Protein backbone atom coordinates (compact mmCIF):
# COMPACT_ATOMS: atom_id res chain seq x y z
CA MET A 1 -0.17 0.00 -0.04
CA LYS A 2 2.86 2.65 0.88
CA THR A 3 4.20 2.65 -2.63
CA ARG A 4 0.72 3.26 -4.62
CA SER A 5 0.58 6.71 -5.77
CA ILE A 6 -2.10 8.99 -4.84
CA SER A 7 -2.53 9.58 -8.64
CA GLU A 8 -4.30 6.05 -8.78
CA ILE A 9 -7.10 7.05 -6.52
CA MET A 10 -7.74 10.56 -6.85
CA THR A 11 -10.39 12.36 -8.88
CA LYS A 12 -8.73 14.15 -11.88
CA GLN A 13 -11.93 15.79 -13.17
CA VAL A 14 -12.21 18.44 -10.54
CA HIS A 15 -15.06 20.77 -9.84
CA PHE A 16 -13.86 23.90 -8.59
CA ILE A 17 -15.11 27.28 -7.98
CA ASP A 18 -13.34 30.92 -8.54
CA ILE A 19 -13.19 33.02 -5.80
CA ASN A 20 -15.36 35.89 -7.23
CA ASP A 21 -18.09 33.24 -7.78
CA GLN A 22 -21.46 33.71 -5.75
CA VAL A 23 -21.70 31.19 -2.78
CA ILE A 24 -24.98 29.93 -4.33
CA SER A 25 -23.08 28.72 -7.05
CA ALA A 26 -20.81 26.60 -4.75
CA ARG A 27 -23.92 25.13 -3.33
CA ASP A 28 -25.41 24.35 -6.87
CA LEU A 29 -21.99 22.49 -8.04
CA MET A 30 -22.06 20.72 -5.12
CA ASP A 31 -25.63 19.30 -5.42
CA LYS A 32 -25.38 19.14 -9.10
CA TYR A 33 -22.30 16.61 -8.77
CA GLU A 34 -23.16 15.25 -5.22
CA ILE A 35 -19.80 16.49 -4.12
CA HIS A 36 -18.84 17.90 -0.67
CA HIS A 37 -15.65 19.86 -1.42
CA LEU A 38 -14.67 22.34 -3.73
CA PRO A 39 -11.09 23.87 -4.28
CA VAL A 40 -11.17 27.78 -4.54
CA LEU A 41 -9.09 29.31 -7.49
CA GLU A 42 -8.19 32.81 -8.18
CA SER A 43 -6.46 33.32 -11.31
CA GLY A 44 -6.05 29.71 -11.58
CA LYS A 45 -4.04 29.01 -8.53
CA LEU A 46 -5.51 27.32 -5.40
CA VAL A 47 -6.47 29.67 -2.56
CA GLY A 48 -8.82 27.86 -0.47
CA MET A 49 -11.31 24.97 0.06
CA ILE A 50 -15.21 25.34 0.54
CA SER A 51 -17.23 22.17 1.77
CA SER A 52 -20.70 21.43 2.00
CA ASN A 53 -20.06 21.80 5.86
CA ASP A 54 -19.33 25.64 5.58
CA LEU A 55 -22.59 25.65 3.62
CA LYS A 56 -24.61 23.83 6.33
CA GLN A 57 -23.33 26.18 8.96
CA VAL A 58 -24.88 29.22 6.83
CA GLN A 59 -28.14 27.18 6.71
CA TYR A 60 -28.27 26.58 10.31
CA LEU A 61 -28.01 30.23 10.75
CA CYS A 62 -30.92 31.07 8.35
CA ASP A 63 -32.85 28.35 9.98
CA PHE A 64 -32.26 29.96 13.68
CA ILE A 65 -33.38 33.31 12.11
CA GLY A 66 -36.36 31.91 10.25
CA GLU A 67 -35.26 32.62 6.78
CA ARG A 68 -35.04 30.50 3.93
CA LEU A 69 -31.47 30.09 2.50
CA GLU A 70 -31.94 31.47 -1.04
CA GLU A 71 -33.70 34.47 0.10
CA SER A 72 -31.50 35.26 3.25
CA THR A 73 -29.78 38.34 3.11
CA ILE A 74 -26.85 36.64 4.97
CA PHE A 75 -26.51 33.92 2.19
CA LYS A 76 -26.90 36.64 -0.30
CA SER A 77 -24.15 38.84 1.21
CA LEU A 78 -21.66 36.35 1.98
CA SER A 79 -18.55 35.78 -0.47
CA ILE A 80 -16.57 32.65 -1.19
CA GLU A 81 -13.57 34.23 0.18
CA GLU A 82 -15.59 34.88 3.59
CA LEU A 83 -16.78 31.14 3.69
CA MET A 84 -13.68 29.46 2.49
CA THR A 85 -10.83 27.66 4.53
CA GLU A 86 -7.46 29.38 3.41
CA ASN A 87 -4.05 28.07 3.72
CA VAL A 88 -4.99 24.67 2.44
CA HIS A 89 -2.82 21.56 3.11
CA SER A 90 -2.18 19.94 -0.36
CA LEU A 91 -0.13 17.13 -2.04
CA THR A 92 1.53 16.24 -5.18
CA SER A 93 0.37 13.44 -7.30
CA ASN A 94 3.78 11.62 -6.66
CA ALA A 95 2.81 11.28 -3.00
CA THR A 96 1.68 8.05 -1.93
CA ILE A 97 -1.83 7.03 -0.55
CA LYS A 98 -0.12 5.94 3.00
CA GLU A 99 1.07 9.58 2.96
CA ALA A 100 -2.50 11.09 2.33
CA ALA A 101 -3.78 8.81 5.00
CA GLN A 102 -1.27 10.02 7.53
CA VAL A 103 -2.17 13.62 6.80
CA PHE A 104 -6.06 12.94 7.21
CA SER A 105 -5.47 11.08 10.59
CA HIS A 106 -3.75 14.33 11.98
CA MET A 107 -5.88 16.97 10.30
CA SER A 108 -9.86 17.79 10.64
CA PHE A 109 -10.34 18.05 7.01
CA GLN A 110 -11.71 15.25 4.55
CA SER A 111 -10.33 16.59 1.33
CA LEU A 112 -6.76 17.26 -0.19
CA PRO A 113 -6.13 19.16 -3.36
CA ILE A 114 -3.44 17.54 -5.21
CA LEU A 115 -1.32 20.09 -7.26
CA GLU A 116 1.69 20.02 -9.77
CA ASN A 117 3.61 22.92 -10.28
CA ASP A 118 0.95 24.84 -8.38
CA GLU A 119 -1.76 23.70 -10.88
CA LEU A 120 -4.76 22.00 -9.67
CA VAL A 121 -4.85 18.61 -11.08
CA GLY A 122 -6.81 16.36 -8.67
CA ILE A 123 -8.50 15.73 -5.49
CA VAL A 124 -8.36 12.95 -3.05
CA THR A 125 -10.89 12.47 -0.09
CA THR A 126 -10.69 10.42 3.11
CA LYS A 127 -13.47 8.12 1.27
CA ASP A 128 -10.76 7.42 -1.65
CA VAL A 129 -8.29 6.70 0.74
CA PHE A 130 -10.34 4.33 2.99
CA ALA A 131 -11.51 2.48 -0.37
CA ALA A 132 -7.93 2.07 -1.54
CA PHE A 133 -6.88 0.57 2.10
CA LEU A 134 -9.99 -1.78 1.90
CA GLU A 135 -9.05 -2.90 -1.74
CA ALA A 136 -5.53 -3.81 -0.44
């Protein structure tokens, strides 16, 4: 297992969002493709990640104040930059599955963008790593 490359299990067709897009666009992309993590790019470079948990926090706030999410002034006024996680940990495609598992075991996030020369080339999730270990 330790010599298998992360490139064998990563998703190569990565859905992402631009930092200047609307938060509702992130929610729509996640719903459409049934995904939980979106890398955030600015001028083609990774600057953050936004997750379905980030969006759920906004949903809970809207529920608490009695507003529908899509009609909420809070939701409409939030930017991707305000909601995203910055300083995202990433790996390169030549990292091993074991290295990804070690990162996940020490951190609280569930996905890792995969970069080559600062370009987003993939994404791997805890689910991908777990499945790889079960295959072995």
